Amino acid sequence: MPGVKTIKPILLASAAIAFPMLAHAASDYPTPAVAEYVYGCMKANGENRDTLQRCSCSIDVIASVVTYERYEAAETYKQMGLVPGENGVLFRESAPAKAAIGELKRAQAEADIRCF
């Protein structure tokens, strides 16, 4: 079966190329940020093993779509936008805030589709 031997190395090479890229994207996020996301996700969706798997999947998908710097900016805009009145309006209404939060929402929607 010479055909099988030639296909196998090609499949292994393809997997070796694809999986490190995915792992690299997720490893750009610091562990505390990943843990905080998974913790919050589990608090919102249920505290069981299935939810742990789904929430871990979710942050991995987000990490593959949004750089950590953009994720951090969007989370900052979201938190600062909770400040009432004029102090928080910059974080709710500015173009950079809307762009960063919109990008994160799209990544979260993609994560919901893939993981939940």
PDB file of N, CA and C in Angstrom:
ATOM      1  N   MET A   1       0.812  -1.178   0.000  1.00  0.00           N
ATOM      2  CA  MET A   1       0.000   0.000   0.000  1.00  0.00           C
ATOM      3  C   MET A   1       0.862   1.252   0.000  1.00  0.00           C
ATOM      4  N   PRO A   2       1.507   1.543  -1.077  1.00  0.00           N
ATOM      5  CA  PRO A   2       2.362   2.712  -1.133  1.00  0.00           C
ATOM      6  C   PRO A   2       1.578   4.011  -0.999  1.00  0.00           C
ATOM      7  N   GLY A   3       0.337   4.051  -1.476  1.00  0.00           N
ATOM      8  CA  GLY A   3      -0.458   5.281  -1.396  1.00  0.00           C
ATOM      9  C   GLY A   3      -0.736   5.711   0.031  1.00  0.00           C
ATOM     10  N   VAL A   4      -0.947   4.745   0.918  1.00  0.00           N
ATOM     11  CA  VAL A   4      -1.240   5.040   2.311  1.00  0.00           C
ATOM     12  C   VAL A   4      -0.040   5.679   2.985  1.00  0.00           C
ATOM     13  N   LYS A   5       1.150   5.194   2.689  1.00  0.00           N
ATOM     14  CA  LYS A   5       2.357   5.729   3.313  1.00  0.00           C
ATOM     15  C   LYS A   5       2.623   7.161   2.868  1.00  0.00           C
ATOM     16  N   THR A   6       2.282   7.495   1.654  1.00  0.00           N
ATOM     17  CA  THR A   6       2.530   8.858   1.192  1.00  0.00           C
ATOM     18  C   THR A   6       1.479   9.831   1.708  1.00  0.00           C
ATOM     19  N   ILE A   7       0.265   9.364   1.930  1.00  0.00           N
ATOM     20  CA  ILE A   7      -0.781  10.245   2.439  1.00  0.00           C
ATOM     21  C   ILE A   7      -0.552  10.554   3.910  1.00  0.00           C
ATOM     22  N   LYS A   8      -0.161   9.558   4.674  1.00  0.00           N
ATOM     23  CA  LYS A   8       0.020   9.724   6.105  1.00  0.00           C
ATOM     24  C   LYS A   8       0.999  10.852   6.445  1.00  0.00           C
ATOM     25  N   PRO A   9       2.193  10.901   5.856  1.00  0.00           N
ATOM     26  CA  PRO A   9       3.101  12.001   6.165  1.00  0.00           C
ATOM     27  C   PRO A   9       2.519  13.362   5.766  1.00  0.00           C
ATOM     28  N   ILE A  10       1.772  13.391   4.689  1.00  0.00           N
ATOM     29  CA  ILE A  10       1.172  14.664   4.271  1.00  0.00           C
ATOM     30  C   ILE A  10       0.157  15.121   5.303  1.00  0.00           C
ATOM     31  N   LEU A  11      -0.677  14.200   5.804  1.00  0.00           N
ATOM     32  CA  LEU A  11      -1.653  14.553   6.827  1.00  0.00           C
ATOM     33  C   LEU A  11      -0.976  15.009   8.108  1.00  0.00           C
ATOM     34  N   LEU A  12       0.073  14.321   8.492  1.00  0.00           N
ATOM     35  CA  LEU A  12       0.797  14.716   9.697  1.00  0.00           C
ATOM     36  C   LEU A  12       1.434  16.088   9.532  1.00  0.00           C
ATOM     37  N   ALA A  13       1.983  16.343   8.370  1.00  0.00           N
ATOM     38  CA  ALA A  13       2.595  17.646   8.119  1.00  0.00           C
ATOM     39  C   ALA A  13       1.540  18.742   8.139  1.00  0.00           C
ATOM     40  N   SER A  14       0.381  18.477   7.578  1.00  0.00           N
ATOM     41  CA  SER A  14      -0.701  19.461   7.590  1.00  0.00           C
ATOM     42  C   SER A  14      -1.150  19.759   9.008  1.00  0.00           C
ATOM     43  N   ALA A  15      -1.291  18.728   9.816  1.00  0.00           N
ATOM     44  CA  ALA A  15      -1.701  18.913  11.207  1.00  0.00           C
ATOM     45  C   ALA A  15      -0.644  19.687  11.983  1.00  0.00           C
ATOM     46  N   ALA A  16       0.603  19.392  11.737  1.00  0.00           N
ATOM     47  CA  ALA A  16       1.689  20.087  12.436  1.00  0.00           C
ATOM     48  C   ALA A  16       1.715  21.567  12.090  1.00  0.00           C
ATOM     49  N   ILE A  17       1.325  21.883  10.887  1.00  0.00           N
ATOM     50  CA  ILE A  17       1.298  23.286  10.482  1.00  0.00           C
ATOM     51  C   ILE A  17       0.080  23.989  11.069  1.00  0.00           C
ATOM     52  N   ALA A  18      -1.075  23.356  11.039  1.00  0.00           N
ATOM     53  CA  ALA A  18      -2.319  23.999  11.463  1.00  0.00           C
ATOM     54  C   ALA A  18      -2.410  24.171  12.973  1.00  0.00           C
ATOM     55  N   PHE A  19      -2.119  23.136  13.754  1.00  0.00           N
ATOM     56  CA  PHE A  19      -2.339  23.203  15.178  1.00  0.00           C
ATOM     57  C   PHE A  19      -1.415  24.158  15.922  1.00  0.00           C
ATOM     58  N   PRO A  20      -0.124  24.278  15.604  1.00  0.00           N
ATOM     59  CA  PRO A  20       0.678  25.269  16.295  1.00  0.00           C
ATOM     60  C   PRO A  20       0.178  26.695  16.068  1.00  0.00           C
ATOM     61  N   MET A  21      -0.393  26.962  14.906  1.00  0.00           N
ATOM     62  CA  MET A  21      -0.922  28.302  14.656  1.00  0.00           C
ATOM     63  C   MET A  21      -2.073  28.599  15.602  1.00  0.00           C
ATOM     64  N   LEU A  22      -2.956  27.619  15.812  1.00  0.00           N
ATOM     65  CA  LEU A  22      -4.069  27.816  16.732  1.00  0.00           C
ATOM     66  C   LEU A  22      -3.560  27.959  18.162  1.00  0.00           C
ATOM     67  N   ALA A  23      -2.627  27.130  18.542  1.00  0.00           N
ATOM     68  CA  ALA A  23      -2.091  27.199  19.891  1.00  0.00           C
ATOM     69  C   ALA A  23      -1.361  28.517  20.117  1.00  0.00           C
ATOM     70  N   HIS A  24      -0.678  29.010  19.094  1.00  0.00           N
ATOM     71  CA  HIS A  24       0.040  30.268  19.217  1.00  0.00           C
ATOM     72  C   HIS A  24      -0.918  31.418  19.494  1.00  0.00           C
ATOM     73  N   ALA A  25      -2.057  31.449  18.812  1.00  0.00           N
ATOM     74  CA  ALA A  25      -3.025  32.529  19.002  1.00  0.00           C
ATOM     75  C   ALA A  25      -3.538  32.539  20.436  1.00  0.00           C
ATOM     76  N   ALA A  26      -3.866  31.387  20.982  1.00  0.00           N
ATOM     77  CA  ALA A  26      -4.381  31.318  22.341  1.00  0.00           C
ATOM     78  C   ALA A  26      -3.289  31.636  23.364  1.00  0.00           C
ATOM     79  N   SER A  27      -2.038  31.301  23.064  1.00  0.00           N
ATOM     80  CA  SER A  27      -0.969  31.534  24.031  1.00  0.00           C
ATOM     81  C   SER A  27      -0.571  33.005  24.123  1.00  0.00           C
ATOM     82  N   ASP A  28      -1.063  33.843  23.225  1.00  0.00           N
ATOM     83  CA  ASP A  28      -0.783  35.273  23.305  1.00  0.00           C
ATOM     84  C   ASP A  28      -1.533  35.937  24.459  1.00  0.00           C
ATOM     85  N   TYR A  29      -2.581  35.311  24.936  1.00  0.00           N
ATOM     86  CA  TYR A  29      -3.356  35.851  26.045  1.00  0.00           C
ATOM     87  C   TYR A  29      -2.711  35.393  27.353  1.00  0.00           C
ATOM     88  N   PRO A  30      -2.496  36.309  28.298  1.00  0.00           N
ATOM     89  CA  PRO A  30      -1.920  35.898  29.587  1.00  0.00           C
ATOM     90  C   PRO A  30      -2.877  34.956  30.323  1.00  0.00           C
ATOM     91  N   THR A  31      -2.326  34.045  31.066  1.00  0.00           N
ATOM     92  CA  THR A  31      -3.123  33.062  31.800  1.00  0.00           C
ATOM     93  C   THR A  31      -4.172  33.716  32.699  1.00  0.00           C
ATOM     94  N   PRO A  32      -3.862  34.789  33.444  1.00  0.00           N
ATOM     95  CA  PRO A  32      -4.904  35.406  34.276  1.00  0.00           C
ATOM     96  C   PRO A  32      -6.089  35.929  33.455  1.00  0.00           C
ATOM     97  N   ALA A  33      -5.842  36.444  32.264  1.00  0.00           N
ATOM     98  CA  ALA A  33      -6.931  36.933  31.411  1.00  0.00           C
ATOM     99  C   ALA A  33      -7.804  35.777  30.940  1.00  0.00           C
ATOM    100  N   VAL A  34      -7.178  34.674  30.579  1.00  0.00           N
ATOM    101  CA  VAL A  34      -7.927  33.493  30.153  1.00  0.00           C
ATOM    102  C   VAL A  34      -8.748  32.953  31.321  1.00  0.00           C
ATOM    103  N   ALA A  35      -8.128  32.848  32.492  1.00  0.00           N
ATOM    104  CA  ALA A  35      -8.822  32.334  33.671  1.00  0.00           C
ATOM    105  C   ALA A  35      -9.993  33.239  34.055  1.00  0.00           C
ATOM    106  N   GLU A  36      -9.792  34.540  33.992  1.00  0.00           N
ATOM    107  CA  GLU A  36     -10.870  35.483  34.323  1.00  0.00           C
ATOM    108  C   GLU A  36     -12.046  35.337  33.358  1.00  0.00           C
ATOM    109  N   TYR A  37     -11.743  35.189  32.072  1.00  0.00           N
ATOM    110  CA  TYR A  37     -12.802  35.014  31.083  1.00  0.00           C
ATOM    111  C   TYR A  37     -13.577  33.725  31.347  1.00  0.00           C
ATOM    112  N   VAL A  38     -12.861  32.630  31.558  1.00  0.00           N
ATOM    113  CA  VAL A  38     -13.518  31.337  31.778  1.00  0.00           C
ATOM    114  C   VAL A  38     -14.342  31.378  33.063  1.00  0.00           C
ATOM    115  N   TYR A  39     -13.811  31.991  34.101  1.00  0.00           N
ATOM    116  CA  TYR A  39     -14.539  32.109  35.370  1.00  0.00           C
ATOM    117  C   TYR A  39     -15.849  32.878  35.170  1.00  0.00           C
ATOM    118  N   GLY A  40     -15.773  34.036  34.514  1.00  0.00           N
ATOM    119  CA  GLY A  40     -16.974  34.836  34.264  1.00  0.00           C
ATOM    120  C   GLY A  40     -17.973  34.111  33.378  1.00  0.00           C
ATOM    121  N   CYS A  41     -17.466  33.435  32.369  1.00  0.00           N
ATOM    122  CA  CYS A  41     -18.315  32.662  31.461  1.00  0.00           C
ATOM    123  C   CYS A  41     -19.040  31.552  32.223  1.00  0.00           C
ATOM    124  N   MET A  42     -18.334  30.881  33.112  1.00  0.00           N
ATOM    125  CA  MET A  42     -18.949  29.805  33.880  1.00  0.00           C
ATOM    126  C   MET A  42     -19.968  30.340  34.871  1.00  0.00           C
ATOM    127  N   LYS A  43     -19.708  31.489  35.461  1.00  0.00           N
ATOM    128  CA  LYS A  43     -20.667  32.100  36.378  1.00  0.00           C
ATOM    129  C   LYS A  43     -21.961  32.429  35.633  1.00  0.00           C
ATOM    130  N   ALA A  44     -21.832  32.850  34.384  1.00  0.00           N
ATOM    131  CA  ALA A  44     -22.996  33.242  33.594  1.00  0.00           C
ATOM    132  C   ALA A  44     -23.738  32.052  32.987  1.00  0.00           C
ATOM    133  N   ASN A  45     -23.032  30.948  32.733  1.00  0.00           N
ATOM    134  CA  ASN A  45     -23.619  29.843  31.975  1.00  0.00           C
ATOM    135  C   ASN A  45     -23.758  28.531  32.737  1.00  0.00           C
ATOM    136  N   GLY A  46     -23.292  28.484  33.952  1.00  0.00           N
ATOM    137  CA  GLY A  46     -23.373  27.252  34.733  1.00  0.00           C
ATOM    138  C   GLY A  46     -22.005  26.763  35.142  1.00  0.00           C
ATOM    139  N   GLU A  47     -21.933  26.244  36.324  1.00  0.00           N
ATOM    140  CA  GLU A  47     -20.652  25.819  36.871  1.00  0.00           C
ATOM    141  C   GLU A  47     -20.559  24.298  36.852  1.00  0.00           C
ATOM    142  N   ASN A  48     -20.293  23.758  35.671  1.00  0.00           N
ATOM    143  CA  ASN A  48     -20.136  22.316  35.536  1.00  0.00           C
ATOM    144  C   ASN A  48     -19.055  22.030  34.497  1.00  0.00           C
ATOM    145  N   ARG A  49     -18.724  20.779  34.344  1.00  0.00           N
ATOM    146  CA  ARG A  49     -17.630  20.372  33.454  1.00  0.00           C
ATOM    147  C   ARG A  49     -17.905  20.741  31.992  1.00  0.00           C
ATOM    148  N   ASP A  50     -19.144  20.559  31.548  1.00  0.00           N
ATOM    149  CA  ASP A  50     -19.503  20.888  30.167  1.00  0.00           C
ATOM    150  C   ASP A  50     -19.311  22.386  29.900  1.00  0.00           C
ATOM    151  N   THR A  51     -19.730  23.211  30.848  1.00  0.00           N
ATOM    152  CA  THR A  51     -19.567  24.656  30.679  1.00  0.00           C
ATOM    153  C   THR A  51     -18.099  25.048  30.707  1.00  0.00           C
ATOM    154  N   LEU A  52     -17.309  24.388  31.535  1.00  0.00           N
ATOM    155  CA  LEU A  52     -15.865  24.638  31.546  1.00  0.00           C
ATOM    156  C   LEU A  52     -15.276  24.406  30.162  1.00  0.00           C
ATOM    157  N   GLN A  53     -15.647  23.295  29.542  1.00  0.00           N
ATOM    158  CA  GLN A  53     -15.153  22.985  28.197  1.00  0.00           C
ATOM    159  C   GLN A  53     -15.612  24.040  27.193  1.00  0.00           C
ATOM    160  N   ARG A  54     -16.867  24.424  27.257  1.00  0.00           N
ATOM    161  CA  ARG A  54     -17.419  25.394  26.312  1.00  0.00           C
ATOM    162  C   ARG A  54     -16.795  26.782  26.503  1.00  0.00           C
ATOM    163  N   CYS A  55     -16.615  27.181  27.744  1.00  0.00           N
ATOM    164  CA  CYS A  55     -16.022  28.499  28.017  1.00  0.00           C
ATOM    165  C   CYS A  55     -14.545  28.534  27.621  1.00  0.00           C
ATOM    166  N   SER A  56     -13.843  27.427  27.832  1.00  0.00           N
ATOM    167  CA  SER A  56     -12.441  27.341  27.398  1.00  0.00           C
ATOM    168  C   SER A  56     -12.352  27.413  25.882  1.00  0.00           C
ATOM    169  N   CYS A  57     -13.258  26.733  25.212  1.00  0.00           N
ATOM    170  CA  CYS A  57     -13.331  26.796  23.753  1.00  0.00           C
ATOM    171  C   CYS A  57     -13.589  28.235  23.312  1.00  0.00           C
ATOM    172  N   SER A  58     -14.492  28.902  24.006  1.00  0.00           N
ATOM    173  CA  SER A  58     -14.887  30.263  23.646  1.00  0.00           C
ATOM    174  C   SER A  58     -13.704  31.229  23.679  1.00  0.00           C
ATOM    175  N   ILE A  59     -12.912  31.198  24.738  1.00  0.00           N
ATOM    176  CA  ILE A  59     -11.777  32.117  24.808  1.00  0.00           C
ATOM    177  C   ILE A  59     -10.719  31.753  23.779  1.00  0.00           C
ATOM    178  N   ASP A  60     -10.596  30.477  23.448  1.00  0.00           N
ATOM    179  CA  ASP A  60      -9.654  30.080  22.405  1.00  0.00           C
ATOM    180  C   ASP A  60     -10.083  30.639  21.044  1.00  0.00           C
ATOM    181  N   VAL A  61     -11.379  30.598  20.767  1.00  0.00           N
ATOM    182  CA  VAL A  61     -11.882  31.154  19.501  1.00  0.00           C
ATOM    183  C   VAL A  61     -11.669  32.662  19.483  1.00  0.00           C
ATOM    184  N   ILE A  62     -11.996  33.324  20.573  1.00  0.00           N
ATOM    185  CA  ILE A  62     -11.797  34.776  20.646  1.00  0.00           C
ATOM    186  C   ILE A  62     -10.328  35.116  20.429  1.00  0.00           C
ATOM    187  N   ALA A  63      -9.444  34.356  21.052  1.00  0.00           N
ATOM    188  CA  ALA A  63      -8.006  34.602  20.913  1.00  0.00           C
ATOM    189  C   ALA A  63      -7.528  34.385  19.483  1.00  0.00           C
ATOM    190  N   SER A  64      -8.212  33.519  18.746  1.00  0.00           N
ATOM    191  CA  SER A  64      -7.812  33.288  17.361  1.00  0.00           C
ATOM    192  C   SER A  64      -8.313  34.391  16.428  1.00  0.00           C
ATOM    193  N   VAL A  65      -9.276  35.185  16.904  1.00  0.00           N
ATOM    194  CA  VAL A  65      -9.871  36.245  16.077  1.00  0.00           C
ATOM    195  C   VAL A  65      -9.350  37.628  16.457  1.00  0.00           C
ATOM    196  N   VAL A  66      -9.163  37.876  17.751  1.00  0.00           N
ATOM    197  CA  VAL A  66      -8.804  39.203  18.259  1.00  0.00           C
ATOM    198  C   VAL A  66      -7.467  39.120  18.996  1.00  0.00           C
ATOM    199  N   THR A  67      -6.555  40.008  18.703  1.00  0.00           N
ATOM    200  CA  THR A  67      -5.291  40.042  19.443  1.00  0.00           C
ATOM    201  C   THR A  67      -5.554  40.405  20.901  1.00  0.00           C
ATOM    202  N   TYR A  68      -4.624  40.046  21.761  1.00  0.00           N
ATOM    203  CA  TYR A  68      -4.822  40.362  23.171  1.00  0.00           C
ATOM    204  C   TYR A  68      -4.904  41.867  23.400  1.00  0.00           C
ATOM    205  N   GLU A  69      -4.122  42.625  22.681  1.00  0.00           N
ATOM    206  CA  GLU A  69      -4.147  44.082  22.838  1.00  0.00           C
ATOM    207  C   GLU A  69      -5.532  44.646  22.526  1.00  0.00           C
ATOM    208  N   ARG A  70      -6.160  44.152  21.452  1.00  0.00           N
ATOM    209  CA  ARG A  70      -7.506  44.600  21.083  1.00  0.00           C
ATOM    210  C   ARG A  70      -8.539  44.104  22.095  1.00  0.00           C
ATOM    211  N   TYR A  71      -8.371  42.891  22.575  1.00  0.00           N
ATOM    212  CA  TYR A  71      -9.262  42.330  23.593  1.00  0.00           C
ATOM    213  C   TYR A  71      -9.205  43.175  24.861  1.00  0.00           C
ATOM    214  N   GLU A  72      -7.997  43.486  25.280  1.00  0.00           N
ATOM    215  CA  GLU A  72      -7.798  44.281  26.492  1.00  0.00           C
ATOM    216  C   GLU A  72      -8.405  45.677  26.341  1.00  0.00           C
ATOM    217  N   ALA A  73      -8.228  46.289  25.174  1.00  0.00           N
ATOM    218  CA  ALA A  73      -8.799  47.616  24.912  1.00  0.00           C
ATOM    219  C   ALA A  73     -10.325  47.554  24.968  1.00  0.00           C
ATOM    220  N   ALA A  74     -10.918  46.561  24.329  1.00  0.00           N
ATOM    221  CA  ALA A  74     -12.380  46.432  24.316  1.00  0.00           C
ATOM    222  C   ALA A  74     -12.925  46.210  25.721  1.00  0.00           C
ATOM    223  N   GLU A  75     -12.267  45.348  26.486  1.00  0.00           N
ATOM    224  CA  GLU A  75     -12.715  45.108  27.859  1.00  0.00           C
ATOM    225  C   GLU A  75     -12.592  46.379  28.707  1.00  0.00           C
ATOM    226  N   THR A  76     -11.543  47.142  28.478  1.00  0.00           N
ATOM    227  CA  THR A  76     -11.368  48.402  29.206  1.00  0.00           C
ATOM    228  C   THR A  76     -12.463  49.389  28.842  1.00  0.00           C
ATOM    229  N   TYR A  77     -12.736  49.530  27.547  1.00  0.00           N
ATOM    230  CA  TYR A  77     -13.822  50.417  27.114  1.00  0.00           C
ATOM    231  C   TYR A  77     -15.154  49.984  27.721  1.00  0.00           C
ATOM    232  N   LYS A  78     -15.409  48.675  27.742  1.00  0.00           N
ATOM    233  CA  LYS A  78     -16.668  48.184  28.305  1.00  0.00           C
ATOM    234  C   LYS A  78     -16.781  48.531  29.788  1.00  0.00           C
ATOM    235  N   GLN A  79     -15.720  48.292  30.540  1.00  0.00           N
ATOM    236  CA  GLN A  79     -15.745  48.559  31.979  1.00  0.00           C
ATOM    237  C   GLN A  79     -15.843  50.054  32.274  1.00  0.00           C
ATOM    238  N   MET A  80     -15.060  50.850  31.561  1.00  0.00           N
ATOM    239  CA  MET A  80     -15.082  52.293  31.791  1.00  0.00           C
ATOM    240  C   MET A  80     -16.390  52.914  31.290  1.00  0.00           C
ATOM    241  N   GLY A  81     -17.019  52.284  30.326  1.00  0.00           N
ATOM    242  CA  GLY A  81     -18.302  52.761  29.836  1.00  0.00           C
ATOM    243  C   GLY A  81     -19.416  52.606  30.846  1.00  0.00           C
ATOM    244  N   LEU A  82     -19.193  51.822  31.882  1.00  0.00           N
ATOM    245  CA  LEU A  82     -20.179  51.660  32.947  1.00  0.00           C
ATOM    246  C   LEU A  82     -20.201  52.845  33.898  1.00  0.00           C
ATOM    247  N   VAL A  83     -19.185  53.699  33.841  1.00  0.00           N
ATOM    248  CA  VAL A  83     -19.135  54.892  34.685  1.00  0.00           C
ATOM    249  C   VAL A  83     -20.284  55.800  34.248  1.00  0.00           C
ATOM    250  N   PRO A  84     -21.116  56.225  35.182  1.00  0.00           N
ATOM    251  CA  PRO A  84     -22.270  57.035  34.790  1.00  0.00           C
ATOM    252  C   PRO A  84     -21.905  58.457  34.357  1.00  0.00           C
ATOM    253  N   GLY A  85     -22.794  59.044  33.587  1.00  0.00           N
ATOM    254  CA  GLY A  85     -22.681  60.448  33.206  1.00  0.00           C
ATOM    255  C   GLY A  85     -21.616  60.725  32.167  1.00  0.00           C
ATOM    256  N   GLU A  86     -21.134  61.964  32.198  1.00  0.00           N
ATOM    257  CA  GLU A  86     -20.172  62.429  31.205  1.00  0.00           C
ATOM    258  C   GLU A  86     -18.823  61.725  31.316  1.00  0.00           C
ATOM    259  N   ASN A  87     -18.486  61.272  32.501  1.00  0.00           N
ATOM    260  CA  ASN A  87     -17.196  60.598  32.677  1.00  0.00           C
ATOM    261  C   ASN A  87     -17.100  59.309  31.862  1.00  0.00           C
ATOM    262  N   GLY A  88     -18.198  58.627  31.681  1.00  0.00           N
ATOM    263  CA  GLY A  88     -18.170  57.372  30.952  1.00  0.00           C
ATOM    264  C   GLY A  88     -18.531  57.497  29.485  1.00  0.00           C
ATOM    265  N   VAL A  89     -19.016  58.682  29.079  1.00  0.00           N
ATOM    266  CA  VAL A  89     -19.494  58.834  27.709  1.00  0.00           C
ATOM    267  C   VAL A  89     -18.383  58.639  26.679  1.00  0.00           C
ATOM    268  N   LEU A  90     -17.185  59.072  26.973  1.00  0.00           N
ATOM    269  CA  LEU A  90     -16.054  58.885  26.057  1.00  0.00           C
ATOM    270  C   LEU A  90     -15.816  57.401  25.783  1.00  0.00           C
ATOM    271  N   PHE A  91     -15.992  56.598  26.815  1.00  0.00           N
ATOM    272  CA  PHE A  91     -15.743  55.162  26.689  1.00  0.00           C
ATOM    273  C   PHE A  91     -16.917  54.413  26.052  1.00  0.00           C
ATOM    274  N   ARG A  92     -18.066  55.087  25.987  1.00  0.00           N
ATOM    275  CA  ARG A  92     -19.235  54.470  25.350  1.00  0.00           C
ATOM    276  C   ARG A  92     -19.433  54.942  23.925  1.00  0.00           C
ATOM    277  N   GLU A  93     -19.098  56.182  23.635  1.00  0.00           N
ATOM    278  CA  GLU A  93     -19.505  56.809  22.382  1.00  0.00           C
ATOM    279  C   GLU A  93     -18.376  57.112  21.394  1.00  0.00           C
ATOM    280  N   SER A  94     -17.129  56.997  21.801  1.00  0.00           N
ATOM    281  CA  SER A  94     -16.040  57.345  20.881  1.00  0.00           C
ATOM    282  C   SER A  94     -15.906  56.283  19.786  1.00  0.00           C
ATOM    283  N   ALA A  95     -15.382  56.698  18.648  1.00  0.00           N
ATOM    284  CA  ALA A  95     -15.189  55.775  17.526  1.00  0.00           C
ATOM    285  C   ALA A  95     -14.252  54.617  17.889  1.00  0.00           C
ATOM    286  N   PRO A  96     -13.114  54.877  18.561  1.00  0.00           N
ATOM    287  CA  PRO A  96     -12.251  53.739  18.928  1.00  0.00           C
ATOM    288  C   PRO A  96     -12.945  52.755  19.877  1.00  0.00           C
ATOM    289  N   ALA A  97     -13.733  53.278  20.802  1.00  0.00           N
ATOM    290  CA  ALA A  97     -14.451  52.403  21.735  1.00  0.00           C
ATOM    291  C   ALA A  97     -15.461  51.540  20.991  1.00  0.00           C
ATOM    292  N   LYS A  98     -16.229  52.160  20.116  1.00  0.00           N
ATOM    293  CA  LYS A  98     -17.236  51.411  19.358  1.00  0.00           C
ATOM    294  C   LYS A  98     -16.584  50.364  18.466  1.00  0.00           C
ATOM    295  N   ALA A  99     -15.456  50.713  17.851  1.00  0.00           N
ATOM    296  CA  ALA A  99     -14.765  49.761  16.967  1.00  0.00           C
ATOM    297  C   ALA A  99     -14.223  48.568  17.760  1.00  0.00           C
ATOM    298  N   ALA A 100     -13.578  48.842  18.882  1.00  0.00           N
ATOM    299  CA  ALA A 100     -12.994  47.766  19.687  1.00  0.00           C
ATOM    300  C   ALA A 100     -14.074  46.858  20.267  1.00  0.00           C
ATOM    301  N   ILE A 101     -15.138  47.455  20.783  1.00  0.00           N
ATOM    302  CA  ILE A 101     -16.222  46.663  21.368  1.00  0.00           C
ATOM    303  C   ILE A 101     -16.947  45.870  20.282  1.00  0.00           C
ATOM    304  N   GLY A 102     -17.135  46.481  19.120  1.00  0.00           N
ATOM    305  CA  GLY A 102     -17.766  45.768  18.004  1.00  0.00           C
ATOM    306  C   GLY A 102     -16.955  44.571  17.553  1.00  0.00           C
ATOM    307  N   GLU A 103     -15.644  44.744  17.484  1.00  0.00           N
ATOM    308  CA  GLU A 103     -14.748  43.638  17.099  1.00  0.00           C
ATOM    309  C   GLU A 103     -14.837  42.495  18.114  1.00  0.00           C
ATOM    310  N   LEU A 104     -14.863  42.840  19.399  1.00  0.00           N
ATOM    311  CA  LEU A 104     -14.964  41.818  20.437  1.00  0.00           C
ATOM    312  C   LEU A 104     -16.322  41.111  20.374  1.00  0.00           C
ATOM    313  N   LYS A 105     -17.385  41.865  20.138  1.00  0.00           N
ATOM    314  CA  LYS A 105     -18.718  41.250  20.034  1.00  0.00           C
ATOM    315  C   LYS A 105     -18.791  40.274  18.861  1.00  0.00           C
ATOM    316  N   ARG A 106     -18.167  40.614  17.746  1.00  0.00           N
ATOM    317  CA  ARG A 106     -18.141  39.694  16.600  1.00  0.00           C
ATOM    318  C   ARG A 106     -17.362  38.429  16.941  1.00  0.00           C
ATOM    319  N   ALA A 107     -16.246  38.586  17.650  1.00  0.00           N
ATOM    320  CA  ALA A 107     -15.452  37.420  18.063  1.00  0.00           C
ATOM    321  C   ALA A 107     -16.246  36.554  19.035  1.00  0.00           C
ATOM    322  N   GLN A 108     -16.977  37.187  19.951  1.00  0.00           N
ATOM    323  CA  GLN A 108     -17.783  36.429  20.901  1.00  0.00           C
ATOM    324  C   GLN A 108     -18.934  35.707  20.199  1.00  0.00           C
ATOM    325  N   ALA A 109     -19.500  36.343  19.182  1.00  0.00           N
ATOM    326  CA  ALA A 109     -20.563  35.682  18.416  1.00  0.00           C
ATOM    327  C   ALA A 109     -20.015  34.449  17.701  1.00  0.00           C
ATOM    328  N   GLU A 110     -18.833  34.573  17.132  1.00  0.00           N
ATOM    329  CA  GLU A 110     -18.183  33.434  16.476  1.00  0.00           C
ATOM    330  C   GLU A 110     -17.920  32.327  17.489  1.00  0.00           C
ATOM    331  N   ALA A 111     -17.471  32.705  18.686  1.00  0.00           N
ATOM    332  CA  ALA A 111     -17.207  31.722  19.751  1.00  0.00           C
ATOM    333  C   ALA A 111     -18.498  31.048  20.173  1.00  0.00           C
ATOM    334  N   ASP A 112     -19.595  31.787  20.265  1.00  0.00           N
ATOM    335  CA  ASP A 112     -20.873  31.189  20.637  1.00  0.00           C
ATOM    336  C   ASP A 112     -21.312  30.157  19.601  1.00  0.00           C
ATOM    337  N   ILE A 113     -21.122  30.485  18.338  1.00  0.00           N
ATOM    338  CA  ILE A 113     -21.503  29.556  17.277  1.00  0.00           C
ATOM    339  C   ILE A 113     -20.663  28.280  17.340  1.00  0.00           C
ATOM    340  N   ARG A 114     -19.371  28.420  17.537  1.00  0.00           N
ATOM    341  CA  ARG A 114     -18.474  27.262  17.529  1.00  0.00           C
ATOM    342  C   ARG A 114     -18.537  26.434  18.807  1.00  0.00           C
ATOM    343  N   CYS A 115     -18.802  27.088  19.932  1.00  0.00           N
ATOM    344  CA  CYS A 115     -18.615  26.403  21.217  1.00  0.00           C
ATOM    345  C   CYS A 115     -19.908  26.120  21.983  1.00  0.00           C
ATOM    346  N   PHE A 116     -20.956  26.848  21.710  1.00  0.00           N
ATOM    347  CA  PHE A 116     -22.193  26.680  22.495  1.00  0.00           C
ATOM    348  C   PHE A 116     -23.321  26.226  21.641  1.00  0.00           C
TER     349      PHE A 116
END
